[in-house]
Amino acid sequence: MFSQFSHREHKQFWTICLITLALLCLWLLFSPNGVIRYYRLRQEIAVIKAEAASLGEQNKALAEEVRRLKKAPAYLEDVARDEYGLIRQNEMIFDFSRRSEKH
């Protein structure tokens, strides 16, 4: 098949093949659905999966916190005292943490 073509035509044929191959490679790399976009999307998926795992752990911790608040009155009292500064009836709080400033 190639024997009927001249050396110049062979050279043109291979040049066209190489240019077509180069353009195809560039298109595969940089097209909207190309290889570069594929790797960026894989990185985004990895980040989102890590965030989802972290949120899942936080969700489990919060569910445990809710369970403890509902089932353990002593824990509920500790939270009320620590986070909201609540006290029992007939209790008094003395705060010695403030220091007076000397002028």
PDB file of N, CA and C in Angstrom:
ATOM      1  N   MET A   1       0.818  -1.186   0.000  1.00  0.00           N
ATOM      2  CA  MET A   1       0.000   0.000   0.000  1.00  0.00           C
ATOM      3  C   MET A   1       0.868   1.259   0.000  1.00  0.00           C
ATOM      4  N   PHE A   2       1.892   1.286   0.871  1.00  0.00           N
ATOM      5  CA  PHE A   2       2.754   2.461   0.959  1.00  0.00           C
ATOM      6  C   PHE A   2       3.765   2.533  -0.173  1.00  0.00           C
ATOM      7  N   SER A   3       3.963   1.456  -0.881  1.00  0.00           N
ATOM      8  CA  SER A   3       4.971   1.453  -1.944  1.00  0.00           C
ATOM      9  C   SER A   3       4.603   2.361  -3.101  1.00  0.00           C
ATOM     10  N   GLN A   4       3.347   2.634  -3.289  1.00  0.00           N
ATOM     11  CA  GLN A   4       2.933   3.484  -4.408  1.00  0.00           C
ATOM     12  C   GLN A   4       3.081   4.971  -4.096  1.00  0.00           C
ATOM     13  N   PHE A   5       3.330   5.335  -2.836  1.00  0.00           N
ATOM     14  CA  PHE A   5       3.491   6.732  -2.460  1.00  0.00           C
ATOM     15  C   PHE A   5       4.963   7.104  -2.470  1.00  0.00           C
ATOM     16  N   SER A   6       5.224   8.356  -2.775  1.00  0.00           N
ATOM     17  CA  SER A   6       6.604   8.845  -2.790  1.00  0.00           C
ATOM     18  C   SER A   6       7.086   9.077  -1.352  1.00  0.00           C
ATOM     19  N   HIS A   7       8.379   9.334  -1.248  1.00  0.00           N
ATOM     20  CA  HIS A   7       8.991   9.603   0.061  1.00  0.00           C
ATOM     21  C   HIS A   7       8.346  10.842   0.695  1.00  0.00           C
ATOM     22  N   ARG A   8       8.089  11.838  -0.107  1.00  0.00           N
ATOM     23  CA  ARG A   8       7.464  13.076   0.371  1.00  0.00           C
ATOM     24  C   ARG A   8       6.064  12.796   0.905  1.00  0.00           C
ATOM     25  N   GLU A   9       5.302  11.984   0.246  1.00  0.00           N
ATOM     26  CA  GLU A   9       3.947  11.652   0.682  1.00  0.00           C
ATOM     27  C   GLU A   9       3.966  10.839   1.969  1.00  0.00           C
ATOM     28  N   HIS A  10       4.965   9.928   2.084  1.00  0.00           N
ATOM     29  CA  HIS A  10       5.142   9.182   3.345  1.00  0.00           C
ATOM     30  C   HIS A  10       5.408  10.155   4.497  1.00  0.00           C
ATOM     31  N   LYS A  11       6.288  11.101   4.224  1.00  0.00           N
ATOM     32  CA  LYS A  11       6.662  12.069   5.240  1.00  0.00           C
ATOM     33  C   LYS A  11       5.440  12.909   5.629  1.00  0.00           C
ATOM     34  N   GLN A  12       4.634  13.355   4.677  1.00  0.00           N
ATOM     35  CA  GLN A  12       3.434  14.133   4.957  1.00  0.00           C
ATOM     36  C   GLN A  12       2.420  13.300   5.755  1.00  0.00           C
ATOM     37  N   PHE A  13       2.277  12.047   5.382  1.00  0.00           N
ATOM     38  CA  PHE A  13       1.353  11.161   6.081  1.00  0.00           C
ATOM     39  C   PHE A  13       1.735  11.037   7.555  1.00  0.00           C
ATOM     40  N   TRP A  14       3.006  10.784   7.829  1.00  0.00           N
ATOM     41  CA  TRP A  14       3.445  10.622   9.206  1.00  0.00           C
ATOM     42  C   TRP A  14       3.387  11.953   9.972  1.00  0.00           C
ATOM     43  N   THR A  15       3.646  13.044   9.293  1.00  0.00           N
ATOM     44  CA  THR A  15       3.530  14.356   9.933  1.00  0.00           C
ATOM     45  C   THR A  15       2.083  14.613  10.349  1.00  0.00           C
ATOM     46  N   ILE A  16       1.151  14.321   9.457  1.00  0.00           N
ATOM     47  CA  ILE A  16      -0.266  14.491   9.771  1.00  0.00           C
ATOM     48  C   ILE A  16      -0.668  13.567  10.927  1.00  0.00           C
ATOM     49  N   CYS A  17      -0.174  12.340  10.912  1.00  0.00           N
ATOM     50  CA  CYS A  17      -0.465  11.404  12.011  1.00  0.00           C
ATOM     51  C   CYS A  17       0.061  11.926  13.337  1.00  0.00           C
ATOM     52  N   LEU A  18       1.281  12.450  13.356  1.00  0.00           N
ATOM     53  CA  LEU A  18       1.865  12.977  14.594  1.00  0.00           C
ATOM     54  C   LEU A  18       1.113  14.214  15.085  1.00  0.00           C
ATOM     55  N   ILE A  19       0.749  15.103  14.181  1.00  0.00           N
ATOM     56  CA  ILE A  19      -0.004  16.296  14.573  1.00  0.00           C
ATOM     57  C   ILE A  19      -1.361  15.897  15.132  1.00  0.00           C
ATOM     58  N   THR A  20      -2.028  14.949  14.459  1.00  0.00           N
ATOM     59  CA  THR A  20      -3.323  14.470  14.942  1.00  0.00           C
ATOM     60  C   THR A  20      -3.183  13.830  16.317  1.00  0.00           C
ATOM     61  N   LEU A  21      -2.146  13.031  16.499  1.00  0.00           N
ATOM     62  CA  LEU A  21      -1.903  12.404  17.795  1.00  0.00           C
ATOM     63  C   LEU A  21      -1.618  13.447  18.877  1.00  0.00           C
ATOM     64  N   ALA A  22      -0.836  14.460  18.556  1.00  0.00           N
ATOM     65  CA  ALA A  22      -0.529  15.522  19.519  1.00  0.00           C
ATOM     66  C   ALA A  22      -1.800  16.285  19.897  1.00  0.00           C
ATOM     67  N   LEU A  23      -2.617  16.620  18.910  1.00  0.00           N
ATOM     68  CA  LEU A  23      -3.872  17.313  19.202  1.00  0.00           C
ATOM     69  C   LEU A  23      -4.807  16.453  20.042  1.00  0.00           C
ATOM     70  N   LEU A  24      -4.852  15.171  19.750  1.00  0.00           N
ATOM     71  CA  LEU A  24      -5.679  14.260  20.536  1.00  0.00           C
ATOM     72  C   LEU A  24      -5.196  14.197  21.984  1.00  0.00           C
ATOM     73  N   CYS A  25      -3.894  14.134  22.179  1.00  0.00           N
ATOM     74  CA  CYS A  25      -3.344  14.110  23.547  1.00  0.00           C
ATOM     75  C   CYS A  25      -3.676  15.402  24.294  1.00  0.00           C
ATOM     76  N   LEU A  26      -3.516  16.532  23.608  1.00  0.00           N
ATOM     77  CA  LEU A  26      -3.854  17.810  24.245  1.00  0.00           C
ATOM     78  C   LEU A  26      -5.330  17.872  24.598  1.00  0.00           C
ATOM     79  N   TRP A  27      -6.174  17.395  23.701  1.00  0.00           N
ATOM     80  CA  TRP A  27      -7.601  17.400  23.966  1.00  0.00           C
ATOM     81  C   TRP A  27      -7.931  16.493  25.152  1.00  0.00           C
ATOM     82  N   LEU A  28      -7.292  15.325  25.225  1.00  0.00           N
ATOM     83  CA  LEU A  28      -7.537  14.413  26.347  1.00  0.00           C
ATOM     84  C   LEU A  28      -7.088  15.020  27.673  1.00  0.00           C
ATOM     85  N   LEU A  29      -6.048  15.824  27.639  1.00  0.00           N
ATOM     86  CA  LEU A  29      -5.562  16.442  28.872  1.00  0.00           C
ATOM     87  C   LEU A  29      -6.421  17.630  29.303  1.00  0.00           C
ATOM     88  N   PHE A  30      -6.742  18.501  28.369  1.00  0.00           N
ATOM     89  CA  PHE A  30      -7.327  19.783  28.735  1.00  0.00           C
ATOM     90  C   PHE A  30      -8.803  19.949  28.405  1.00  0.00           C
ATOM     91  N   SER A  31      -9.443  18.968  27.875  1.00  0.00           N
ATOM     92  CA  SER A  31     -10.865  19.089  27.555  1.00  0.00           C
ATOM     93  C   SER A  31     -11.681  19.179  28.848  1.00  0.00           C
ATOM     94  N   PRO A  32     -12.940  19.613  28.777  1.00  0.00           N
ATOM     95  CA  PRO A  32     -13.762  19.726  29.992  1.00  0.00           C
ATOM     96  C   PRO A  32     -13.903  18.403  30.748  1.00  0.00           C
ATOM     97  N   ASN A  33     -13.779  17.301  30.078  1.00  0.00           N
ATOM     98  CA  ASN A  33     -13.841  16.002  30.743  1.00  0.00           C
ATOM     99  C   ASN A  33     -12.506  15.274  30.642  1.00  0.00           C
ATOM    100  N   GLY A  34     -11.432  16.026  30.590  1.00  0.00           N
ATOM    101  CA  GLY A  34     -10.113  15.449  30.378  1.00  0.00           C
ATOM    102  C   GLY A  34      -9.479  14.898  31.642  1.00  0.00           C
ATOM    103  N   VAL A  35      -8.257  14.465  31.463  1.00  0.00           N
ATOM    104  CA  VAL A  35      -7.506  13.813  32.539  1.00  0.00           C
ATOM    105  C   VAL A  35      -7.233  14.766  33.698  1.00  0.00           C
ATOM    106  N   ILE A  36      -6.894  15.996  33.392  1.00  0.00           N
ATOM    107  CA  ILE A  36      -6.599  16.961  34.459  1.00  0.00           C
ATOM    108  C   ILE A  36      -7.841  17.197  35.319  1.00  0.00           C
ATOM    109  N   ARG A  37      -8.985  17.371  34.675  1.00  0.00           N
ATOM    110  CA  ARG A  37     -10.235  17.546  35.439  1.00  0.00           C
ATOM    111  C   ARG A  37     -10.544  16.297  36.252  1.00  0.00           C
ATOM    112  N   TYR A  38     -10.276  15.137  35.686  1.00  0.00           N
ATOM    113  CA  TYR A  38     -10.517  13.872  36.388  1.00  0.00           C
ATOM    114  C   TYR A  38      -9.714  13.824  37.688  1.00  0.00           C
ATOM    115  N   TYR A  39      -8.445  14.196  37.653  1.00  0.00           N
ATOM    116  CA  TYR A  39      -7.630  14.156  38.865  1.00  0.00           C
ATOM    117  C   TYR A  39      -8.057  15.221  39.870  1.00  0.00           C
ATOM    118  N   ARG A  40      -8.472  16.389  39.379  1.00  0.00           N
ATOM    119  CA  ARG A  40      -8.982  17.417  40.304  1.00  0.00           C
ATOM    120  C   ARG A  40     -10.245  16.932  40.999  1.00  0.00           C
ATOM    121  N   LEU A  41     -11.132  16.301  40.227  1.00  0.00           N
ATOM    122  CA  LEU A  41     -12.362  15.785  40.833  1.00  0.00           C
ATOM    123  C   LEU A  41     -12.060  14.680  41.836  1.00  0.00           C
ATOM    124  N   ARG A  42     -11.093  13.840  41.552  1.00  0.00           N
ATOM    125  CA  ARG A  42     -10.711  12.803  42.521  1.00  0.00           C
ATOM    126  C   ARG A  42     -10.217  13.426  43.812  1.00  0.00           C
ATOM    127  N   GLN A  43      -9.432  14.506  43.717  1.00  0.00           N
ATOM    128  CA  GLN A  43      -8.953  15.191  44.918  1.00  0.00           C
ATOM    129  C   GLN A  43     -10.128  15.796  45.693  1.00  0.00           C
ATOM    130  N   GLU A  44     -11.069  16.408  44.979  1.00  0.00           N
ATOM    131  CA  GLU A  44     -12.238  16.971  45.644  1.00  0.00           C
ATOM    132  C   GLU A  44     -13.055  15.886  46.338  1.00  0.00           C
ATOM    133  N   ILE A  45     -13.195  14.748  45.697  1.00  0.00           N
ATOM    134  CA  ILE A  45     -13.932  13.633  46.300  1.00  0.00           C
ATOM    135  C   ILE A  45     -13.239  13.170  47.570  1.00  0.00           C
ATOM    136  N   ALA A  46     -11.911  13.092  47.541  1.00  0.00           N
ATOM    137  CA  ALA A  46     -11.171  12.676  48.742  1.00  0.00           C
ATOM    138  C   ALA A  46     -11.391  13.662  49.882  1.00  0.00           C
ATOM    139  N   VAL A  47     -11.379  14.958  49.573  1.00  0.00           N
ATOM    140  CA  VAL A  47     -11.597  15.980  50.607  1.00  0.00           C
ATOM    141  C   VAL A  47     -13.011  15.867  51.163  1.00  0.00           C
ATOM    142  N   ILE A  48     -13.985  15.694  50.280  1.00  0.00           N
ATOM    143  CA  ILE A  48     -15.372  15.597  50.721  1.00  0.00           C
ATOM    144  C   ILE A  48     -15.594  14.342  51.557  1.00  0.00           C
ATOM    145  N   LYS A  49     -14.964  13.239  51.169  1.00  0.00           N
ATOM    146  CA  LYS A  49     -15.088  12.014  51.967  1.00  0.00           C
ATOM    147  C   LYS A  49     -14.482  12.199  53.351  1.00  0.00           C
ATOM    148  N   ALA A  50     -13.347  12.885  53.424  1.00  0.00           N
ATOM    149  CA  ALA A  50     -12.722  13.138  54.727  1.00  0.00           C
ATOM    150  C   ALA A  50     -13.629  14.023  55.583  1.00  0.00           C
ATOM    151  N   GLU A  51     -14.224  15.054  54.965  1.00  0.00           N
ATOM    152  CA  GLU A  51     -15.149  15.912  55.706  1.00  0.00           C
ATOM    153  C   GLU A  51     -16.368  15.129  56.174  1.00  0.00           C
ATOM    154  N   ALA A  52     -16.878  14.243  55.317  1.00  0.00           N
ATOM    155  CA  ALA A  52     -18.043  13.430  55.683  1.00  0.00           C
ATOM    156  C   ALA A  52     -17.704  12.507  56.846  1.00  0.00           C
ATOM    157  N   ALA A  53     -16.508  11.926  56.830  1.00  0.00           N
ATOM    158  CA  ALA A  53     -16.099  11.063  57.934  1.00  0.00           C
ATOM    159  C   ALA A  53     -15.987  11.859  59.232  1.00  0.00           C
ATOM    160  N   SER A  54     -15.421  13.063  59.141  1.00  0.00           N
ATOM    161  CA  SER A  54     -15.297  13.915  60.320  1.00  0.00           C
ATOM    162  C   SER A  54     -16.674  14.296  60.852  1.00  0.00           C
ATOM    163  N   LEU A  55     -17.574  14.663  59.951  1.00  0.00           N
ATOM    164  CA  LEU A  55     -18.925  15.016  60.384  1.00  0.00           C
ATOM    165  C   LEU A  55     -19.657  13.807  60.964  1.00  0.00           C
ATOM    166  N   GLY A  56     -19.388  12.627  60.433  1.00  0.00           N
ATOM    167  CA  GLY A  56     -19.980  11.413  60.993  1.00  0.00           C
ATOM    168  C   GLY A  56     -19.523  11.181  62.420  1.00  0.00           C
ATOM    169  N   GLU A  57     -18.230  11.405  62.672  1.00  0.00           N
ATOM    170  CA  GLU A  57     -17.710  11.268  64.034  1.00  0.00           C
ATOM    171  C   GLU A  57     -18.329  12.314  64.961  1.00  0.00           C
ATOM    172  N   GLN A  58     -18.448  13.541  64.478  1.00  0.00           N
ATOM    173  CA  GLN A  58     -19.076  14.582  65.293  1.00  0.00           C
ATOM    174  C   GLN A  58     -20.535  14.231  65.580  1.00  0.00           C
ATOM    175  N   ASN A  59     -21.207  13.679  64.594  1.00  0.00           N
ATOM    176  CA  ASN A  59     -22.595  13.284  64.762  1.00  0.00           C
ATOM    177  C   ASN A  59     -22.722  12.196  65.833  1.00  0.00           C
ATOM    178  N   LYS A  60     -21.813  11.225  65.803  1.00  0.00           N
ATOM    179  CA  LYS A  60     -21.826  10.171  66.821  1.00  0.00           C
ATOM    180  C   LYS A  60     -21.588  10.753  68.210  1.00  0.00           C
ATOM    181  N   ALA A  61     -20.640  11.687  68.301  1.00  0.00           N
ATOM    182  CA  ALA A  61     -20.347  12.304  69.605  1.00  0.00           C
ATOM    183  C   ALA A  61     -21.554  13.089  70.114  1.00  0.00           C
ATOM    184  N   LEU A  62     -22.206  13.815  69.223  1.00  0.00           N
ATOM    185  CA  LEU A  62     -23.382  14.576  69.643  1.00  0.00           C
ATOM    186  C   LEU A  62     -24.538  13.656  70.034  1.00  0.00           C
ATOM    187  N   ALA A  63     -24.697  12.550  69.318  1.00  0.00           N
ATOM    188  CA  ALA A  63     -25.747  11.594  69.677  1.00  0.00           C
ATOM    189  C   ALA A  63     -25.467  10.992  71.053  1.00  0.00           C
ATOM    190  N   GLU A  64     -24.214  10.718  71.339  1.00  0.00           N
ATOM    191  CA  GLU A  64     -23.841  10.205  72.664  1.00  0.00           C
ATOM    192  C   GLU A  64     -24.102  11.259  73.738  1.00  0.00           C
ATOM    193  N   GLU A  65     -23.785  12.520  73.418  1.00  0.00           N
ATOM    194  CA  GLU A  65     -24.040  13.607  74.362  1.00  0.00           C
ATOM    195  C   GLU A  65     -25.539  13.706  74.660  1.00  0.00           C
ATOM    196  N   VAL A  66     -26.377  13.638  73.634  1.00  0.00           N
ATOM    197  CA  VAL A  66     -27.829  13.695  73.821  1.00  0.00           C
ATOM    198  C   VAL A  66     -28.298  12.525  74.674  1.00  0.00           C
ATOM    199  N   ARG A  67     -27.775  11.336  74.380  1.00  0.00           N
ATOM    200  CA  ARG A  67     -28.155  10.149  75.159  1.00  0.00           C
ATOM    201  C   ARG A  67     -27.799  10.341  76.622  1.00  0.00           C
ATOM    202  N   ARG A  68     -26.592  10.851  76.885  1.00  0.00           N
ATOM    203  CA  ARG A  68     -26.167  11.044  78.279  1.00  0.00           C
ATOM    204  C   ARG A  68     -27.017  12.109  78.967  1.00  0.00           C
ATOM    205  N   LEU A  69     -27.356  13.168  78.240  1.00  0.00           N
ATOM    206  CA  LEU A  69     -28.184  14.221  78.830  1.00  0.00           C
ATOM    207  C   LEU A  69     -29.580  13.702  79.180  1.00  0.00           C
ATOM    208  N   LYS A  70     -30.094  12.794  78.360  1.00  0.00           N
ATOM    209  CA  LYS A  70     -31.429  12.250  78.619  1.00  0.00           C
ATOM    210  C   LYS A  70     -31.418  11.187  79.712  1.00  0.00           C
ATOM    211  N   LYS A  71     -30.366  10.399  79.812  1.00  0.00           N
ATOM    212  CA  LYS A  71     -30.359   9.220  80.696  1.00  0.00           C
ATOM    213  C   LYS A  71     -29.635   9.440  82.019  1.00  0.00           C
ATOM    214  N   ALA A  72     -28.720  10.393  82.090  1.00  0.00           N
ATOM    215  CA  ALA A  72     -27.904  10.539  83.304  1.00  0.00           C
ATOM    216  C   ALA A  72     -28.156  11.893  83.956  1.00  0.00           C
ATOM    217  N   PRO A  73     -28.967  11.922  84.995  1.00  0.00           N
ATOM    218  CA  PRO A  73     -29.261  13.198  85.662  1.00  0.00           C
ATOM    219  C   PRO A  73     -28.016  13.870  86.236  1.00  0.00           C
ATOM    220  N   ALA A  74     -27.069  13.094  86.717  1.00  0.00           N
ATOM    221  CA  ALA A  74     -25.853  13.687  87.285  1.00  0.00           C
ATOM    222  C   ALA A  74     -25.052  14.396  86.195  1.00  0.00           C
ATOM    223  N   TYR A  75     -24.987  13.816  85.015  1.00  0.00           N
ATOM    224  CA  TYR A  75     -24.283  14.448  83.900  1.00  0.00           C
ATOM    225  C   TYR A  75     -24.999  15.738  83.496  1.00  0.00           C
ATOM    226  N   LEU A  76     -26.316  15.695  83.430  1.00  0.00           N
ATOM    227  CA  LEU A  76     -27.094  16.881  83.102  1.00  0.00           C
ATOM    228  C   LEU A  76     -26.820  17.997  84.108  1.00  0.00           C
ATOM    229  N   GLU A  77     -26.745  17.633  85.378  1.00  0.00           N
ATOM    230  CA  GLU A  77     -26.453  18.633  86.410  1.00  0.00           C
ATOM    231  C   GLU A  77     -25.055  19.212  86.228  1.00  0.00           C
ATOM    232  N   ASP A  78     -24.077  18.349  85.925  1.00  0.00           N
ATOM    233  CA  ASP A  78     -22.707  18.832  85.695  1.00  0.00           C
ATOM    234  C   ASP A  78     -22.656  19.817  84.526  1.00  0.00           C
ATOM    235  N   VAL A  79     -23.348  19.487  83.453  1.00  0.00           N
ATOM    236  CA  VAL A  79     -23.368  20.375  82.283  1.00  0.00           C
ATOM    237  C   VAL A  79     -24.040  21.690  82.640  1.00  0.00           C
ATOM    238  N   ALA A  80     -25.143  21.633  83.353  1.00  0.00           N
ATOM    239  CA  ALA A  80     -25.857  22.842  83.745  1.00  0.00           C
ATOM    240  C   ALA A  80     -24.975  23.724  84.624  1.00  0.00           C
ATOM    241  N   ARG A  81     -24.214  23.120  85.506  1.00  0.00           N
ATOM    242  CA  ARG A  81     -23.340  23.883  86.390  1.00  0.00           C
ATOM    243  C   ARG A  81     -22.155  24.479  85.624  1.00  0.00           C
ATOM    244  N   ASP A  82     -21.490  23.641  84.817  1.00  0.00           N
ATOM    245  CA  ASP A  82     -20.275  24.088  84.129  1.00  0.00           C
ATOM    246  C   ASP A  82     -20.557  25.079  82.999  1.00  0.00           C
ATOM    247  N   GLU A  83     -21.519  24.764  82.166  1.00  0.00           N
ATOM    248  CA  GLU A  83     -21.725  25.579  80.970  1.00  0.00           C
ATOM    249  C   GLU A  83     -22.654  26.767  81.197  1.00  0.00           C
ATOM    250  N   TYR A  84     -23.591  26.638  82.113  1.00  0.00           N
ATOM    251  CA  TYR A  84     -24.576  27.697  82.276  1.00  0.00           C
ATOM    252  C   TYR A  84     -24.517  28.385  83.638  1.00  0.00           C
ATOM    253  N   GLY A  85     -23.622  27.925  84.500  1.00  0.00           N
ATOM    254  CA  GLY A  85     -23.440  28.564  85.790  1.00  0.00           C
ATOM    255  C   GLY A  85     -24.629  28.417  86.722  1.00  0.00           C
ATOM    256  N   LEU A  86     -25.435  27.395  86.527  1.00  0.00           N
ATOM    257  CA  LEU A  86     -26.594  27.185  87.380  1.00  0.00           C
ATOM    258  C   LEU A  86     -26.167  26.600  88.723  1.00  0.00           C
ATOM    259  N   ILE A  87     -26.970  26.879  89.736  1.00  0.00           N
ATOM    260  CA  ILE A  87     -26.688  26.363  91.075  1.00  0.00           C
ATOM    261  C   ILE A  87     -27.967  25.765  91.644  1.00  0.00           C
ATOM    262  N   ARG A  88     -27.785  24.960  92.668  1.00  0.00           N
ATOM    263  CA  ARG A  88     -28.953  24.395  93.361  1.00  0.00           C
ATOM    264  C   ARG A  88     -29.552  25.453  94.274  1.00  0.00           C
ATOM    265  N   GLN A  89     -30.772  25.172  94.680  1.00  0.00           N
ATOM    266  CA  GLN A  89     -31.431  26.071  95.610  1.00  0.00           C
ATOM    267  C   GLN A  89     -30.652  26.058  96.929  1.00  0.00           C
ATOM    268  N   ASN A  90     -30.501  27.209  97.525  1.00  0.00           N
ATOM    269  CA  ASN A  90     -29.779  27.408  98.790  1.00  0.00           C
ATOM    270  C   ASN A  90     -28.258  27.269  98.634  1.00  0.00           C
ATOM    271  N   GLU A  91     -27.725  27.267  97.418  1.00  0.00           N
ATOM    272  CA  GLU A  91     -26.274  27.266  97.218  1.00  0.00           C
ATOM    273  C   GLU A  91     -25.826  28.692  96.949  1.00  0.00           C
ATOM    274  N   MET A  92     -24.560  28.942  97.278  1.00  0.00           N
ATOM    275  CA  MET A  92     -23.965  30.242  97.005  1.00  0.00           C
ATOM    276  C   MET A  92     -22.653  30.009  96.280  1.00  0.00           C
ATOM    277  N   ILE A  93     -22.334  30.925  95.375  1.00  0.00           N
ATOM    278  CA  ILE A  93     -21.078  30.824  94.630  1.00  0.00           C
ATOM    279  C   ILE A  93     -20.178  31.964  95.073  1.00  0.00           C
ATOM    280  N   PHE A  94     -18.957  31.604  95.387  1.00  0.00           N
ATOM    281  CA  PHE A  94     -17.943  32.595  95.716  1.00  0.00           C
ATOM    282  C   PHE A  94     -16.904  32.555  94.607  1.00  0.00           C
ATOM    283  N   ASP A  95     -16.688  33.683  93.976  1.00  0.00           N
ATOM    284  CA  ASP A  95     -15.733  33.768  92.870  1.00  0.00           C
ATOM    285  C   ASP A  95     -14.499  34.509  93.352  1.00  0.00           C
ATOM    286  N   PHE A  96     -13.406  33.773  93.496  1.00  0.00           N
ATOM    287  CA  PHE A  96     -12.157  34.352  93.975  1.00  0.00           C
ATOM    288  C   PHE A  96     -11.161  34.557  92.837  1.00  0.00           C
ATOM    289  N   SER A  97     -11.600  34.411  91.625  1.00  0.00           N
ATOM    290  CA  SER A  97     -10.665  34.478  90.506  1.00  0.00           C
ATOM    291  C   SER A  97     -10.304  35.910  90.107  1.00  0.00           C
ATOM    292  N   ARG A  98     -11.099  36.879  90.456  1.00  0.00           N
ATOM    293  CA  ARG A  98     -10.806  38.261  90.080  1.00  0.00           C
ATOM    294  C   ARG A  98      -9.846  38.888  91.059  1.00  0.00           C
ATOM    295  N   ARG A  99      -8.907  39.601  90.544  1.00  0.00           N
ATOM    296  CA  ARG A  99      -7.950  40.293  91.398  1.00  0.00           C
ATOM    297  C   ARG A  99      -8.184  41.799  91.258  1.00  0.00           C
ATOM    298  N   SER A 100      -8.050  42.497  92.326  1.00  0.00           N
ATOM    299  CA  SER A 100      -8.218  43.951  92.245  1.00  0.00           C
ATOM    300  C   SER A 100      -6.943  44.555  91.664  1.00  0.00           C
ATOM    301  N   GLU A 101      -7.140  45.589  90.886  1.00  0.00           N
ATOM    302  CA  GLU A 101      -5.989  46.248  90.275  1.00  0.00           C
ATOM    303  C   GLU A 101      -5.454  47.308  91.220  1.00  0.00           C
ATOM    304  N   LYS A 102      -4.145  47.357  91.306  1.00  0.00           N
ATOM    305  CA  LYS A 102      -3.501  48.374  92.149  1.00  0.00           C
ATOM    306  C   LYS A 102      -3.151  49.570  91.274  1.00  0.00           C
ATOM    307  N   HIS A 103      -3.479  50.746  91.740  1.00  0.00           N
ATOM    308  CA  HIS A 103      -3.210  51.971  90.964  1.00  0.00           C
ATOM    309  C   HIS A 103      -1.978  52.631  91.437  1.00  0.00           C
TER     310      HIS A 103
END
